Amino acid sequence: MMGGLRSCVGGSRAAGLQHGSRSLTLEEKYRDALASIPAPGVGQGCHPFILTVANYGVMAGHSNSAVFSDIRRCIPGGRRHVPDNDIRDTIAHARRDHLMWEQNPAKRPGYQKSISKPAIDGPSYRRKLIERSEGAEDVDLWELSPVRLDWEAGFRDAIALLSELYGPDEVLFIGERYDRDVATTVEWIRELEERKQAPWPHIMPNPVDGRAHETSTGTMSRRGDAAVSELRFLLVEFDDLPLAEQCAFWHTIIRDQIMPVAALIHSGSKSLHAWIRADIPNRDTWDSVVKQELYGPCGRLTLLGADRACCNPARLSRLPGVLREDKGNWQRLVYLDPQAGLAQPEKTLPTYRAPSQRPTLVPENAHVEAA
């Protein structure tokens, strides 16, 4: 075993190893990485290194099941057991990365070695994604939704989002931008059913623990980053794209299963808020994957033009089912898939028959409105 790889993060050292005077093939990198998996335990780096191994296995052309078997066999004994589901989820992550960056196969998925050399031509790749579904509208996204959203705009959008994506006892923040109240899913649903409307414009996609935590400014909050209990969702939003192009972009992403989109919410103005299923195990991993790899200066989502302000775990999204008084439009649930990111990546999305009456979700003047 090559002990020098034990501190490797994201495979950057393994990728640079050489056999003699020649560079390693992908298969050799994969085999070397398998032989260098650190023992599982707190602070040993086993989990991120498994992602490195999975990346090499996928790029070398191995199936998910073959990569799983290899990793399961090669993990050495340690202070804790790595569950099978953790390994499968990591391989699925690598598979999604491979599909996302198929336009530039020479660049491995993983951490960026240098912010001066972007991994992809972001604007060009985004344009290709948009062109694959050119002409797609919000109703086409609605037709892709595994959960049928066949009711009039209103509070049922909020109930559907809460009941499909959260457990009844999970604690959530819903409210105005500077509100502080949190409650369980079942309490929010009961309040919505009693009011028959959704009066609160914002929701924090990630659940919280219900306790007050000190923020970076020294104040106490039950809805700050430190209060987040489950790093389940990553928010993605584009401020620089016309709404029609956002619809085409997300139609390609969902149809081709490039990212596990759990929900798409029309903001009632000029943008779609995408909730990407992430299930990140801890804050350190969030900071390295989301804040650096995805939303860093040369991160993947940054290069695609996504709003970098979405990088923190406590980022707010628009709550669907709310009539936005400043715009006169509904914040609308356009797409909902509670199984996003949980199924095997080889499975295709099922085909659903749309009702004859289609809702109109996007106002004609949305592209000139402020978010």
Protein backbone atom coordinates (compact mmCIF):
# COMPACT_ATOMS: atom_id res chain seq x y z
CA MET A 1 0.00 0.00 0.00
CA MET A 2 1.13 3.54 -0.73
CA GLY A 3 1.08 5.34 2.61
CA GLY A 4 1.58 8.73 0.95
CA LEU A 5 -1.99 8.62 -0.33
CA ARG A 6 -3.55 8.36 3.11
CA SER A 7 -3.80 12.15 3.48
CA CYS A 8 -4.99 12.68 -0.10
CA VAL A 9 -8.21 14.69 -0.50
CA GLY A 10 -10.27 14.27 -3.66
CA GLY A 11 -7.59 12.26 -5.43
CA SER A 12 -5.31 15.18 -6.32
CA ARG A 13 -2.18 13.26 -5.26
CA ALA A 14 -3.25 9.92 -6.69
CA ALA A 15 -3.90 11.61 -10.03
CA GLY A 16 -0.32 12.80 -10.20
CA LEU A 17 1.43 9.50 -9.45
CA GLN A 18 3.53 7.94 -12.15
CA HIS A 19 4.84 4.46 -12.84
CA GLY A 20 8.43 5.03 -13.87
CA SER A 21 8.52 7.75 -16.52
CA ARG A 22 4.93 7.36 -17.76
CA SER A 23 1.67 8.62 -16.34
CA LEU A 24 -0.77 6.15 -14.88
CA THR A 25 -3.78 5.02 -16.88
CA LEU A 26 -7.20 5.51 -15.32
CA GLU A 27 -7.33 1.81 -14.53
CA GLU A 28 -3.96 1.98 -12.76
CA LYS A 29 -5.02 5.05 -10.81
CA TYR A 30 -8.17 3.21 -9.79
CA ARG A 31 -6.23 0.15 -8.60
CA ASP A 32 -3.66 2.28 -6.75
CA ALA A 33 -6.44 4.26 -5.06
CA LEU A 34 -8.20 1.03 -4.01
CA ALA A 35 -4.97 -0.12 -2.38
CA SER A 36 -4.62 3.18 -0.52
CA ILE A 37 -8.02 3.60 1.15
CA PRO A 38 -7.35 4.77 4.72
CA ALA A 39 -8.85 2.94 7.67
CA PRO A 40 -12.27 4.35 8.62
CA GLY A 41 -12.28 6.46 11.76
CA VAL A 42 -12.68 10.02 12.93
CA GLY A 43 -10.37 12.34 10.99
CA GLN A 44 -8.80 9.58 8.87
CA GLY A 45 -10.18 10.85 5.56
CA CYS A 46 -11.78 7.58 4.55
CA HIS A 47 -15.07 9.03 3.28
CA PRO A 48 -13.61 11.66 0.88
CA PHE A 49 -11.03 9.14 -0.31
CA ILE A 50 -13.79 6.67 -1.20
CA LEU A 51 -15.16 9.41 -3.49
CA THR A 52 -11.73 9.58 -5.14
CA VAL A 53 -11.77 5.83 -5.72
CA ALA A 54 -15.33 5.97 -7.06
CA ASN A 55 -14.38 8.77 -9.48
CA TYR A 56 -11.51 6.73 -10.89
CA GLY A 57 -13.66 3.59 -11.11
CA VAL A 58 -16.40 5.38 -13.03
CA MET A 59 -13.92 7.10 -15.36
CA ALA A 60 -12.19 3.76 -15.98
CA GLY A 61 -15.47 2.37 -17.26
CA HIS A 62 -16.52 0.10 -14.40
CA SER A 63 -20.18 -0.41 -13.47
CA ASN A 64 -21.55 0.85 -10.16
CA SER A 65 -21.85 -2.69 -8.84
CA ALA A 66 -18.25 -3.54 -9.76
CA VAL A 67 -16.93 -0.36 -8.09
CA PHE A 68 -19.01 -1.13 -5.00
CA SER A 69 -17.60 -4.65 -4.75
CA ASP A 70 -14.02 -3.40 -5.16
CA ILE A 71 -14.38 -0.67 -2.53
CA ARG A 72 -16.20 -2.92 -0.07
CA ARG A 73 -13.42 -5.49 -0.37
CA CYS A 74 -10.55 -3.00 -0.08
CA ILE A 75 -11.66 -0.90 2.90
CA PRO A 76 -9.29 -1.86 5.73
CA GLY A 77 -10.42 -2.49 9.28
CA GLY A 78 -10.85 0.61 11.38
CA ARG A 79 -12.60 2.16 14.33
CA ARG A 80 -15.95 2.29 12.57
CA HIS A 81 -17.88 0.45 9.88
CA VAL A 82 -18.62 2.12 6.54
CA PRO A 83 -22.27 1.26 5.68
CA ASP A 84 -23.05 -0.18 2.25
CA ASN A 85 -25.48 2.69 1.56
CA ASP A 86 -22.71 5.25 2.15
CA ILE A 87 -20.56 3.54 -0.46
CA ARG A 88 -23.45 3.29 -2.95
CA ASP A 89 -24.36 6.96 -2.45
CA THR A 90 -20.74 7.98 -3.02
CA ILE A 91 -20.56 5.95 -6.24
CA ALA A 92 -23.83 7.55 -7.40
CA HIS A 93 -22.26 10.96 -6.67
CA ALA A 94 -19.26 10.06 -8.83
CA ARG A 95 -21.54 8.78 -11.60
CA ARG A 96 -23.49 12.07 -11.63
CA ASP A 97 -20.23 14.03 -11.76
CA HIS A 98 -19.07 11.93 -14.69
CA LEU A 99 -22.30 12.62 -16.58
CA MET A 100 -22.19 16.33 -15.74
CA TRP A 101 -18.71 16.78 -17.11
CA GLU A 102 -19.00 14.47 -20.12
CA GLN A 103 -18.45 17.51 -22.33
CA ASN A 104 -14.87 17.70 -21.08
CA PRO A 105 -13.73 14.13 -20.33
CA ALA A 106 -10.06 15.11 -20.06
CA LYS A 107 -10.78 16.79 -16.73
CA ARG A 108 -11.30 14.44 -13.81
CA PRO A 109 -14.18 15.14 -11.39
CA GLY A 110 -12.92 16.21 -8.00
CA TYR A 111 -11.25 19.18 -6.39
CA GLN A 112 -9.72 21.89 -8.52
CA LYS A 113 -5.91 21.96 -8.48
CA SER A 114 -5.74 25.61 -9.43
CA ILE A 115 -8.35 28.34 -9.61
CA SER A 116 -6.48 29.78 -12.60
CA LYS A 117 -7.36 26.81 -14.82
CA PRO A 118 -11.14 26.20 -14.89
CA ALA A 119 -12.23 22.57 -15.25
CA ILE A 120 -14.87 23.43 -17.87
CA ASP A 121 -15.91 26.21 -20.19
CA GLY A 122 -18.93 27.07 -18.06
CA PRO A 123 -20.82 29.39 -20.43
CA SER A 124 -20.33 27.00 -23.37
CA TYR A 125 -21.44 23.97 -21.40
CA ARG A 126 -24.47 25.81 -20.01
CA ARG A 127 -25.43 26.86 -23.52
CA LYS A 128 -25.25 23.23 -24.69
CA LEU A 129 -27.50 22.16 -21.82
CA ILE A 130 -30.01 24.86 -22.72
CA GLU A 131 -29.93 23.96 -26.43
CA ARG A 132 -30.70 20.31 -25.65
CA SER A 133 -34.14 21.42 -24.41
CA GLU A 134 -34.55 24.63 -26.37
CA GLY A 135 -38.18 25.71 -26.35
CA ALA A 136 -39.02 23.82 -23.14
CA GLU A 137 -41.33 25.80 -20.88
CA ASP A 138 -42.41 25.64 -17.27
CA VAL A 139 -45.25 23.34 -18.22
CA ASP A 140 -42.73 20.85 -19.64
CA LEU A 141 -40.99 20.79 -16.26
CA TRP A 142 -44.40 20.33 -14.66
CA GLU A 143 -45.01 17.31 -16.89
CA LEU A 144 -41.71 15.75 -15.79
CA SER A 145 -42.67 15.97 -12.11
CA PRO A 146 -43.06 12.51 -10.51
CA VAL A 147 -45.53 14.05 -8.02
CA ARG A 148 -48.52 15.33 -9.97
CA LEU A 149 -49.05 19.02 -9.20
CA ASP A 150 -52.55 19.22 -10.68
CA TRP A 151 -54.22 21.77 -8.41
CA GLU A 152 -54.68 25.51 -8.57
CA ALA A 153 -51.96 27.80 -7.23
CA GLY A 154 -52.14 28.11 -3.47
CA PHE A 155 -51.24 26.64 -0.11
CA ARG A 156 -51.42 23.04 -1.37
CA ASP A 157 -48.04 23.66 -3.04
CA ALA A 158 -46.49 24.27 0.38
CA ILE A 159 -48.19 21.23 1.91
CA ALA A 160 -46.97 19.00 -0.93
CA LEU A 161 -43.38 20.22 -0.52
CA LEU A 162 -43.41 19.68 3.25
CA SER A 163 -45.17 16.33 3.28
CA GLU A 164 -43.05 14.82 0.49
CA LEU A 165 -39.57 16.00 1.50
CA TYR A 166 -39.62 15.97 5.31
CA GLY A 167 -40.53 13.72 8.21
CA PRO A 168 -43.42 14.87 10.44
CA ASP A 169 -41.17 15.66 13.43
CA GLU A 170 -38.37 17.43 11.57
CA VAL A 171 -37.91 21.07 12.58
CA LEU A 172 -38.04 23.71 9.85
CA PHE A 173 -37.75 27.46 9.51
CA ILE A 174 -40.53 29.13 7.50
CA GLY A 175 -41.23 32.85 7.63
CA GLU A 176 -40.18 36.35 6.68
CA ARG A 177 -36.53 37.02 6.00
CA TYR A 178 -35.83 38.18 9.57
CA ASP A 179 -38.26 35.95 11.48
CA ARG A 180 -36.83 33.48 13.98
CA ASP A 181 -39.62 31.00 14.70
CA VAL A 182 -39.17 27.31 13.89
CA ALA A 183 -41.66 24.44 14.14
CA THR A 184 -42.07 20.81 13.14
CA THR A 185 -43.32 19.78 9.71
CA VAL A 186 -46.64 18.57 11.09
CA GLU A 187 -47.15 21.87 12.93
CA TRP A 188 -46.50 23.90 9.78
CA ILE A 189 -48.88 21.69 7.76
CA ARG A 190 -51.58 22.03 10.42
CA GLU A 191 -51.18 25.82 10.34
CA LEU A 192 -51.45 25.86 6.53
CA GLU A 193 -54.59 23.71 6.59
CA GLU A 194 -56.22 25.96 9.18
CA ARG A 195 -55.34 29.19 7.39
CA LYS A 196 -56.07 27.84 3.87
CA GLN A 197 -53.19 30.02 2.70
CA ALA A 198 -49.41 30.30 2.93
CA PRO A 199 -48.56 33.75 4.34
CA TRP A 200 -44.82 33.17 4.82
CA PRO A 201 -42.59 33.88 1.79
CA HIS A 202 -39.44 31.93 2.72
CA ILE A 203 -38.35 28.46 3.77
CA MET A 204 -34.96 27.07 4.74
CA PRO A 205 -34.61 23.82 2.75
CA ASN A 206 -32.36 22.17 5.34
CA PRO A 207 -33.91 21.09 8.68
CA VAL A 208 -32.67 22.59 11.95
CA ASP A 209 -32.27 21.18 15.46
CA GLY A 210 -34.61 23.68 17.14
CA ARG A 211 -31.91 25.06 19.46
CA ALA A 212 -30.36 28.53 19.51
CA HIS A 213 -26.74 28.72 18.33
CA GLU A 214 -24.28 31.60 18.30
CA THR A 215 -23.83 33.19 14.87
CA SER A 216 -20.70 34.78 13.39
CA THR A 217 -21.93 38.16 14.68
CA GLY A 218 -22.30 36.90 18.25
CA THR A 219 -26.10 36.79 18.29
CA MET A 220 -28.14 33.67 19.02
CA SER A 221 -30.30 32.11 16.30
CA ARG A 222 -32.30 28.92 15.72
CA ARG A 223 -32.07 29.31 11.94
CA GLY A 224 -28.40 30.04 11.28
CA ASP A 225 -25.83 27.74 9.68
CA ALA A 226 -24.87 26.27 13.06
CA ALA A 227 -28.50 25.27 13.72
CA VAL A 228 -28.77 23.11 10.58
CA SER A 229 -29.20 19.46 11.59
CA GLU A 230 -29.38 17.80 8.16
CA LEU A 231 -27.34 18.95 5.15
CA ARG A 232 -29.94 17.50 2.81
CA PHE A 233 -30.39 20.08 0.07
CA LEU A 234 -28.22 22.44 -1.95
CA LEU A 235 -29.89 25.51 -3.46
CA VAL A 236 -29.08 26.58 -7.03
CA GLU A 237 -30.37 29.76 -8.65
CA PHE A 238 -29.47 31.71 -11.80
CA ASP A 239 -29.98 35.48 -11.77
CA ASP A 240 -28.40 36.16 -15.16
CA LEU A 241 -30.53 33.82 -17.31
CA PRO A 242 -33.90 34.68 -18.84
CA LEU A 243 -36.61 32.51 -17.33
CA ALA A 244 -37.17 30.64 -20.61
CA GLU A 245 -33.52 29.56 -20.66
CA GLN A 246 -33.71 28.51 -17.02
CA CYS A 247 -36.64 26.26 -17.94
CA ALA A 248 -34.64 24.71 -20.77
CA PHE A 249 -31.55 24.27 -18.57
CA TRP A 250 -33.42 22.47 -15.79
CA HIS A 251 -35.42 20.41 -18.26
CA THR A 252 -32.15 18.97 -19.61
CA ILE A 253 -30.73 18.49 -16.10
CA ILE A 254 -33.82 16.54 -14.97
CA ARG A 255 -34.50 14.61 -18.18
CA ASP A 256 -30.88 13.49 -18.54
CA GLN A 257 -30.49 12.91 -14.78
CA ILE A 258 -27.41 15.10 -14.55
CA MET A 259 -28.22 16.34 -11.03
CA PRO A 260 -30.75 14.95 -8.51
CA VAL A 261 -33.34 17.75 -8.51
CA ALA A 262 -35.80 17.28 -5.64
CA ALA A 263 -37.83 20.45 -6.24
CA LEU A 264 -38.12 23.43 -8.57
CA ILE A 265 -39.87 26.51 -7.24
CA HIS A 266 -40.84 29.47 -9.38
CA SER A 267 -39.97 32.54 -7.31
CA GLY A 268 -42.98 34.55 -8.52
CA SER A 269 -40.54 36.77 -10.40
CA LYS A 270 -37.59 36.02 -12.68
CA SER A 271 -36.03 32.83 -11.37
CA LEU A 272 -36.41 29.14 -10.57
CA HIS A 273 -35.03 27.87 -7.28
CA ALA A 274 -33.65 24.34 -7.63
CA TRP A 275 -33.27 22.11 -4.58
CA ILE A 276 -30.54 19.56 -5.29
CA ARG A 277 -30.48 16.47 -3.09
CA ALA A 278 -27.05 16.44 -1.44
CA ASP A 279 -27.19 14.43 1.83
CA ILE A 280 -23.77 15.69 2.88
CA PRO A 281 -22.59 13.99 6.10
CA ASN A 282 -21.03 16.91 7.98
CA ARG A 283 -20.15 20.59 7.85
CA ASP A 284 -16.49 20.03 6.94
CA THR A 285 -17.54 18.07 3.87
CA TRP A 286 -20.11 20.77 3.02
CA ASP A 287 -17.42 23.44 3.16
CA SER A 288 -15.03 21.48 0.95
CA VAL A 289 -17.58 20.21 -1.56
CA VAL A 290 -20.17 22.99 -1.72
CA LYS A 291 -18.21 26.12 -0.81
CA GLN A 292 -15.03 25.14 -2.67
CA GLU A 293 -15.69 22.50 -5.30
CA LEU A 294 -19.11 23.79 -6.40
CA TYR A 295 -19.33 27.46 -5.39
CA GLY A 296 -15.65 28.42 -5.10
CA PRO A 297 -14.08 31.00 -7.48
CA CYS A 298 -13.64 28.27 -10.09
CA GLY A 299 -16.29 25.90 -8.76
CA ARG A 300 -18.49 23.90 -11.09
CA LEU A 301 -21.70 25.77 -10.33
CA THR A 302 -19.88 29.10 -10.30
CA LEU A 303 -18.58 28.41 -13.82
CA LEU A 304 -22.14 27.63 -14.93
CA GLY A 305 -23.23 31.06 -13.67
CA ALA A 306 -25.11 30.02 -10.52
CA ASP A 307 -25.53 32.55 -7.71
CA ARG A 308 -22.61 31.96 -5.31
CA ALA A 309 -24.65 33.36 -2.41
CA CYS A 310 -26.46 30.00 -2.32
CA CYS A 311 -23.43 28.26 -0.79
CA ASN A 312 -24.39 28.34 2.89
CA PRO A 313 -26.45 25.57 4.54
CA ALA A 314 -29.03 28.00 5.96
CA ARG A 315 -29.76 29.71 2.64
CA LEU A 316 -33.43 30.67 2.22
CA SER A 317 -35.59 29.67 -0.73
CA ARG A 318 -39.02 30.83 -1.75
CA LEU A 319 -41.89 28.87 -0.18
CA PRO A 320 -44.29 27.69 -2.91
CA GLY A 321 -47.98 28.49 -2.59
CA VAL A 322 -47.46 32.12 -1.58
CA LEU A 323 -49.00 35.02 -3.50
CA ARG A 324 -46.15 37.49 -3.91
CA GLU A 325 -47.85 40.83 -3.39
CA ASP A 326 -44.95 42.93 -4.69
CA LYS A 327 -45.17 41.13 -8.06
CA GLY A 328 -48.78 40.00 -8.15
CA ASN A 329 -47.62 36.45 -8.99
CA TRP A 330 -47.68 33.11 -7.24
CA GLN A 331 -44.57 31.41 -5.91
CA ARG A 332 -45.27 28.08 -7.53
CA LEU A 333 -44.09 24.50 -7.14
CA VAL A 334 -43.12 23.45 -10.68
CA TYR A 335 -41.44 20.09 -10.07
CA LEU A 336 -41.28 17.69 -7.11
CA ASP A 337 -39.38 14.42 -6.81
CA PRO A 338 -39.03 13.03 -3.26
CA GLN A 339 -36.91 10.14 -4.60
CA ALA A 340 -34.30 12.35 -6.29
CA GLY A 341 -30.83 11.08 -5.55
CA LEU A 342 -32.15 7.99 -3.76
CA ALA A 343 -32.74 5.70 -6.76
CA GLN A 344 -30.02 3.92 -8.72
CA PRO A 345 -28.54 6.35 -11.28
CA GLU A 346 -29.07 3.84 -14.09
CA LYS A 347 -32.85 4.04 -13.64
CA THR A 348 -34.64 6.46 -15.92
CA LEU A 349 -37.42 8.75 -14.81
CA PRO A 350 -40.87 7.21 -15.33
CA THR A 351 -43.26 8.71 -17.84
CA TYR A 352 -46.40 10.27 -16.46
CA ARG A 353 -49.58 11.25 -18.29
CA ALA A 354 -50.32 14.93 -17.82
CA PRO A 355 -53.89 16.11 -17.15
CA SER A 356 -55.66 17.84 -20.01
CA GLN A 357 -55.74 21.13 -18.11
CA ARG A 358 -52.25 22.54 -17.68
CA PRO A 359 -51.56 25.36 -15.21
CA THR A 360 -49.85 28.53 -16.38
CA LEU A 361 -46.95 29.03 -14.00
CA VAL A 362 -44.75 31.76 -15.44
CA PRO A 363 -45.98 35.32 -16.04
CA GLU A 364 -45.13 36.76 -19.44
CA ASN A 365 -43.24 39.70 -17.92
CA ALA A 366 -41.23 37.57 -15.48
CA HIS A 367 -37.93 38.17 -17.29
CA VAL A 368 -37.99 41.88 -16.50
CA GLU A 369 -39.01 41.58 -12.86
CA ALA A 370 -36.62 41.64 -9.91
CA ALA A 371 -36.10 38.44 -7.95
